[in-house]
């Protein structure tokens, strides 16, 4: 068990409804295009596959997908959509769980690497991705850039959604490099709000690049979004791709060739 917080059955049962906008074909299209192109004719492994928001439609595009998921209730919701033979899911944590075979693509979307609350576990996640990748395979992460530039001195909270039915804001611990996302969601029309929260460890792109180097991966590309918008100083998120190098045969020593 890692430090990730377990998602409950109640959370799992309402997850798809709350993420309906992010699960629409229009919203998911660029994500699926990007991942399918990287997977090519190979297999894909999704860390923290959840209810299959990305994995199920990617499988429907013909990419063989396997998932790892810590929360049994989340995996149970996925299982209502497709069977185990079509999309296998292993219950376990994404930092240490190993599934059979090699993959051309391992991916981790929607800020989920932040569910691992220690740097050591995040490094282990990169190492686990590298363990599953075939030479030349890619590891993809979608992650928000920490919005610390929005914090004036003495302030610890940053709102990320203020709408009619939802209020969301993050509070930051700058010493521990963690944040708590707070959600106040209006249920029904009686004026009552449901409160929820989750913890994450935030990481900068440069820190992730170092984790990748520790795992033996090389940065291949970084964009602001799934459409390939160039990443810049004002980008609020990034899609980063690291590649597992292909082993090269060493060149023969010229002196040895001469002596032979």
Protein backbone atom coordinates (compact mmCIF):
# COMPACT_ATOMS: atom_id res chain seq x y z
CA UNK A 1 0.00 0.00 0.00
CA UNK A 2 1.25 3.45 -0.91
CA UNK A 3 0.34 6.79 0.62
CA UNK A 4 -2.43 7.29 -1.96
CA UNK A 5 -5.85 7.89 -0.46
CA UNK A 6 -8.35 5.16 -1.36
CA UNK A 7 -11.41 6.23 -3.33
CA UNK A 8 -14.58 4.92 -1.72
CA UNK A 9 -17.58 3.24 -3.31
CA UNK A 10 -19.64 6.41 -2.86
CA UNK A 11 -17.02 8.45 -4.71
CA UNK A 12 -16.67 5.82 -7.44
CA UNK A 13 -20.42 5.63 -8.07
CA UNK A 14 -20.73 9.36 -8.73
CA UNK A 15 -17.37 9.84 -10.48
CA UNK A 16 -18.57 9.40 -14.07
CA UNK A 17 -21.49 11.80 -13.60
CA UNK A 18 -19.22 14.47 -12.13
CA UNK A 19 -16.69 14.01 -14.95
CA UNK A 20 -19.23 13.89 -17.77
CA UNK A 21 -17.92 17.06 -19.40
CA UNK A 22 -14.32 15.79 -19.37
CA UNK A 23 -15.47 12.42 -20.71
CA UNK A 24 -17.29 13.70 -23.79
CA UNK A 25 -15.95 12.75 -27.26
CA UNK A 26 -15.04 16.39 -27.88
CA UNK A 27 -13.01 16.64 -24.67
CA UNK A 28 -11.37 13.23 -24.96
CA UNK A 29 -10.69 13.22 -28.69
CA UNK A 30 -7.25 14.89 -28.60
CA UNK A 31 -6.19 12.71 -25.66
CA UNK A 32 -7.14 9.51 -27.44
CA UNK A 33 -5.51 10.63 -30.70
CA UNK A 34 -2.27 11.39 -28.87
CA UNK A 35 -2.16 8.13 -26.93
CA UNK A 36 -3.21 5.93 -29.84
CA UNK A 37 -0.47 7.36 -32.04
CA UNK A 38 2.18 6.67 -29.38
CA UNK A 39 0.88 3.15 -28.74
CA UNK A 40 1.05 2.31 -32.44
CA UNK A 41 0.64 -1.43 -32.94
CA UNK A 42 1.70 -2.17 -29.36
CA UNK A 43 0.02 -2.46 -25.99
CA UNK A 44 -0.81 0.33 -23.54
CA UNK A 45 -0.75 0.26 -19.75
CA UNK A 46 -2.72 2.86 -17.79
CA UNK A 47 -1.63 3.62 -14.24
CA UNK A 48 -4.61 4.51 -12.01
CA UNK A 49 -7.14 3.60 -14.69
CA UNK A 50 -10.07 4.45 -12.41
CA UNK A 51 -13.48 3.95 -14.00
CA UNK A 52 -11.96 3.75 -17.48
CA UNK A 53 -12.66 7.33 -18.57
CA UNK A 54 -9.66 7.13 -20.94
CA UNK A 55 -8.83 3.42 -21.04
CA UNK A 56 -12.21 2.18 -22.26
CA UNK A 57 -12.52 4.48 -25.31
CA UNK A 58 -8.82 3.91 -26.11
CA UNK A 59 -9.51 0.17 -26.15
CA UNK A 60 -12.51 0.79 -28.41
CA UNK A 61 -10.08 2.41 -30.86
CA UNK A 62 -8.27 -0.91 -31.14
CA UNK A 63 -5.39 -0.31 -28.71
CA UNK A 64 -4.93 -3.25 -26.31
CA UNK A 65 -5.14 -1.67 -22.83
CA UNK A 66 -4.32 -3.06 -19.40
CA UNK A 67 -4.96 -1.10 -16.22
CA UNK A 68 -3.62 -0.85 -12.69
CA UNK A 69 -6.01 0.60 -10.10
CA UNK A 70 -5.71 0.94 -6.33
CA UNK A 71 -9.43 1.41 -5.61
CA UNK A 72 -11.56 -1.70 -6.01
CA UNK A 73 -14.79 0.37 -6.16
CA UNK A 74 -13.39 2.43 -9.06
CA UNK A 75 -12.39 -0.75 -10.90
CA UNK A 76 -15.85 -2.20 -10.25
CA UNK A 77 -17.44 0.75 -12.09
CA UNK A 78 -15.08 0.14 -15.02
CA UNK A 79 -16.06 -3.51 -15.05
CA UNK A 80 -19.68 -2.50 -15.74
CA UNK A 81 -18.45 -1.09 -19.07
CA UNK A 82 -16.25 -3.90 -20.37
CA UNK A 83 -15.15 -7.38 -19.37
CA UNK A 84 -11.83 -8.57 -18.00
CA UNK A 85 -10.80 -10.27 -21.21
CA UNK A 86 -11.29 -7.08 -23.22
CA UNK A 87 -9.59 -4.78 -20.71
CA UNK A 88 -7.71 -6.51 -17.87
CA UNK A 89 -7.33 -4.57 -14.61
CA UNK A 90 -4.97 -5.48 -11.78
CA UNK A 91 -5.80 -4.17 -8.30
CA UNK A 92 -2.68 -2.59 -6.82
CA UNK A 93 -0.66 0.60 -6.55
CA UNK A 94 0.98 2.18 -9.56
CA UNK A 95 4.38 2.51 -7.87
CA UNK A 96 5.07 -1.19 -7.33
CA UNK A 97 2.45 -3.41 -9.02
CA UNK A 98 3.81 -5.42 -11.95
CA UNK A 99 1.71 -6.92 -14.75
CA UNK A 100 2.92 -9.42 -17.36
CA UNK A 101 4.44 -8.44 -20.67
CA UNK A 102 5.95 -5.35 -22.27
CA UNK A 103 4.17 -2.21 -23.43
CA UNK A 104 4.93 0.45 -26.01
CA UNK A 105 3.03 3.00 -23.92
CA UNK A 106 2.49 3.60 -20.21
CA UNK A 107 0.37 6.62 -19.35
CA UNK A 108 -0.85 8.46 -16.26
CA UNK A 109 -3.41 11.23 -16.79
CA UNK A 110 -5.41 13.85 -14.91
CA UNK A 111 -2.80 14.84 -12.27
CA UNK A 112 -2.90 11.35 -10.77
CA UNK A 113 0.82 11.03 -10.05
CA UNK A 114 0.13 13.60 -7.33
CA UNK A 115 -1.87 10.94 -5.47
CA UNK A 116 1.51 9.55 -4.43
CA UNK A 117 2.32 11.80 -1.48
CA UNK A 118 6.07 11.28 -1.22
CA UNK A 119 8.90 11.94 -3.64
CA UNK A 120 10.23 8.40 -3.16
CA UNK A 121 6.91 6.92 -4.29
CA UNK A 122 6.76 9.19 -7.31
CA UNK A 123 10.28 8.09 -8.29
CA UNK A 124 9.16 4.48 -7.82
CA UNK A 125 6.24 5.18 -10.18
CA UNK A 126 8.68 6.27 -12.90
CA UNK A 127 10.78 3.18 -12.25
CA UNK A 128 7.68 1.00 -12.52
CA UNK A 129 6.78 2.61 -15.83
CA UNK A 130 10.29 1.96 -17.13
CA UNK A 131 10.05 -1.64 -15.90
CA UNK A 132 7.00 -2.23 -18.10
CA UNK A 133 8.18 -0.40 -21.22
CA UNK A 134 9.72 -2.10 -24.21
CA UNK A 135 12.85 -0.39 -25.56
CA UNK A 136 11.73 2.71 -27.41
CA UNK A 137 8.44 2.82 -25.46
CA UNK A 138 7.05 6.00 -23.92
CA UNK A 139 5.77 7.11 -20.53
CA UNK A 140 3.20 9.93 -20.66
CA UNK A 141 2.04 12.12 -17.78
CA UNK A 142 -0.64 14.83 -17.74
CA UNK A 143 -0.07 17.19 -14.82
CA UNK A 144 -0.94 20.69 -13.66
CA UNK A 145 1.89 23.18 -13.15
CA UNK A 146 1.73 24.26 -9.47
CA UNK A 147 -0.03 27.67 -9.47
CA UNK A 148 2.23 29.13 -6.80
CA UNK A 149 2.66 32.37 -8.76
CA UNK A 150 -0.97 33.12 -7.80
CA UNK A 151 -0.16 33.04 -4.09
CA UNK A 152 0.48 36.50 -2.64
CA UNK A 153 2.57 36.63 0.56
CA UNK A 154 0.68 35.14 3.48
CA UNK A 155 -2.00 33.44 1.36
CA UNK A 156 -2.30 29.65 1.23
CA UNK A 157 -5.37 29.11 -0.99
CA UNK A 158 -5.97 29.39 -4.75
CA UNK A 159 -9.46 28.90 -6.30
CA UNK A 160 -9.64 26.75 -9.42
CA UNK A 161 -13.40 26.63 -10.01
CA UNK A 162 -16.13 29.07 -8.95
CA UNK A 163 -19.39 28.12 -10.64
CA UNK A 164 -23.07 27.78 -9.84
CA UNK A 165 -22.85 24.19 -8.64
CA UNK A 166 -19.25 23.89 -7.52
CA UNK A 167 -16.63 25.79 -5.55
CA UNK A 168 -13.11 24.40 -5.65
CA UNK A 169 -9.87 25.71 -4.20
CA UNK A 170 -6.44 24.35 -3.31
CA UNK A 171 -4.54 25.02 -0.09
CA UNK A 172 -0.76 24.61 -0.16
CA UNK A 173 1.88 23.49 2.27
CA UNK A 174 5.01 24.99 0.72
CA UNK A 175 7.36 23.16 3.08
CA UNK A 176 5.99 19.64 2.51
CA UNK A 177 5.25 20.37 -1.19
CA UNK A 178 1.67 19.15 -0.83
CA UNK A 179 -1.75 20.56 -1.56
CA UNK A 180 -5.30 19.77 -0.53
CA UNK A 181 -8.06 20.23 -3.10
CA UNK A 182 -11.31 21.30 -1.42
CA UNK A 183 -14.65 20.81 -3.18
CA UNK A 184 -18.06 22.17 -2.28
CA UNK A 185 -20.58 20.62 -4.68
CA UNK A 186 -24.26 21.46 -4.75
CA UNK A 187 -26.45 18.36 -4.71
CA UNK A 188 -29.94 18.89 -6.04
CA UNK A 189 -31.78 22.20 -5.85
CA UNK A 190 -32.34 22.48 -2.11
CA UNK A 191 -29.27 24.66 -1.58
CA UNK A 192 -27.23 22.02 0.26
CA UNK A 193 -23.57 21.48 -0.58
CA UNK A 194 -21.48 18.34 -0.22
CA UNK A 195 -17.94 18.87 0.96
CA UNK A 196 -14.99 16.75 -0.16
CA UNK A 197 -11.21 16.99 -0.22
CA UNK A 198 -8.16 15.10 -1.44
CA UNK A 199 -4.42 15.46 -0.87
CA UNK A 200 -1.72 15.52 -3.52
CA UNK A 201 2.01 16.08 -3.79
CA UNK A 202 2.77 18.65 -6.46
CA UNK A 203 5.91 18.48 -8.60
CA UNK A 204 7.50 20.78 -11.15
CA UNK A 205 8.31 19.59 -14.69
CA UNK A 206 12.05 19.78 -13.95
CA UNK A 207 11.61 17.54 -10.91
CA UNK A 208 9.74 14.99 -13.03
CA UNK A 209 12.57 15.07 -15.59
CA UNK A 210 15.02 14.16 -12.84
CA UNK A 211 12.75 11.31 -11.71
CA UNK A 212 12.72 10.10 -15.30
CA UNK A 213 16.54 10.17 -15.47
CA UNK A 214 16.72 8.13 -12.27
CA UNK A 215 14.45 5.58 -13.94
CA UNK A 216 16.55 5.53 -17.11
CA UNK A 217 14.09 7.49 -19.26
CA UNK A 218 14.77 10.48 -21.50
CA UNK A 219 12.52 13.50 -22.08
CA UNK A 220 11.19 13.37 -25.64
CA UNK A 221 8.59 16.15 -25.70
CA UNK A 222 6.52 18.50 -23.55
CA UNK A 223 3.40 20.41 -24.63
CA UNK A 224 0.77 22.50 -22.91
CA UNK A 225 -2.12 20.27 -23.97
CA UNK A 226 -3.05 17.17 -25.94
CA UNK A 227 -3.29 19.25 -29.12
CA UNK A 228 0.44 20.01 -28.97
CA UNK A 229 0.31 23.69 -27.99
CA UNK A 230 3.91 24.68 -27.15
CA UNK A 231 4.71 24.63 -23.44
CA UNK A 232 5.69 28.04 -22.09
CA UNK A 233 6.12 30.11 -18.93
CA UNK A 234 2.37 30.76 -18.64
CA UNK A 235 1.22 27.18 -19.28
CA UNK A 236 -1.10 25.90 -16.56
CA UNK A 237 -0.44 22.21 -17.32
CA UNK A 238 1.80 19.98 -19.35
CA UNK A 239 1.72 16.73 -21.28
CA UNK A 240 5.20 15.23 -20.95
CA UNK A 241 6.59 12.23 -22.82
CA UNK A 242 9.68 10.31 -21.74
CA UNK A 243 11.22 7.56 -23.83
CA UNK A 244 12.99 4.37 -22.84
CA UNK A 245 16.23 4.28 -24.85
CA UNK A 246 16.91 1.50 -27.28
CA UNK A 247 20.08 -0.37 -26.37
CA UNK A 248 22.81 0.13 -28.91
CA UNK A 249 25.51 -2.38 -29.77
CA UNK A 250 28.93 -1.01 -28.78
CA UNK A 251 31.25 -0.10 -31.62
CA UNK A 252 34.26 -2.37 -31.95
CA UNK A 253 37.60 -1.02 -30.78
CA UNK A 254 39.69 -0.13 -33.89
CA UNK A 255 42.84 -1.42 -32.20
CA UNK A 256 41.21 -4.80 -31.64
CA UNK A 257 40.19 -4.98 -35.30
CA UNK A 258 43.76 -4.16 -36.36
CA UNK A 259 45.29 -6.75 -34.07
CA UNK A 260 42.88 -9.38 -35.32
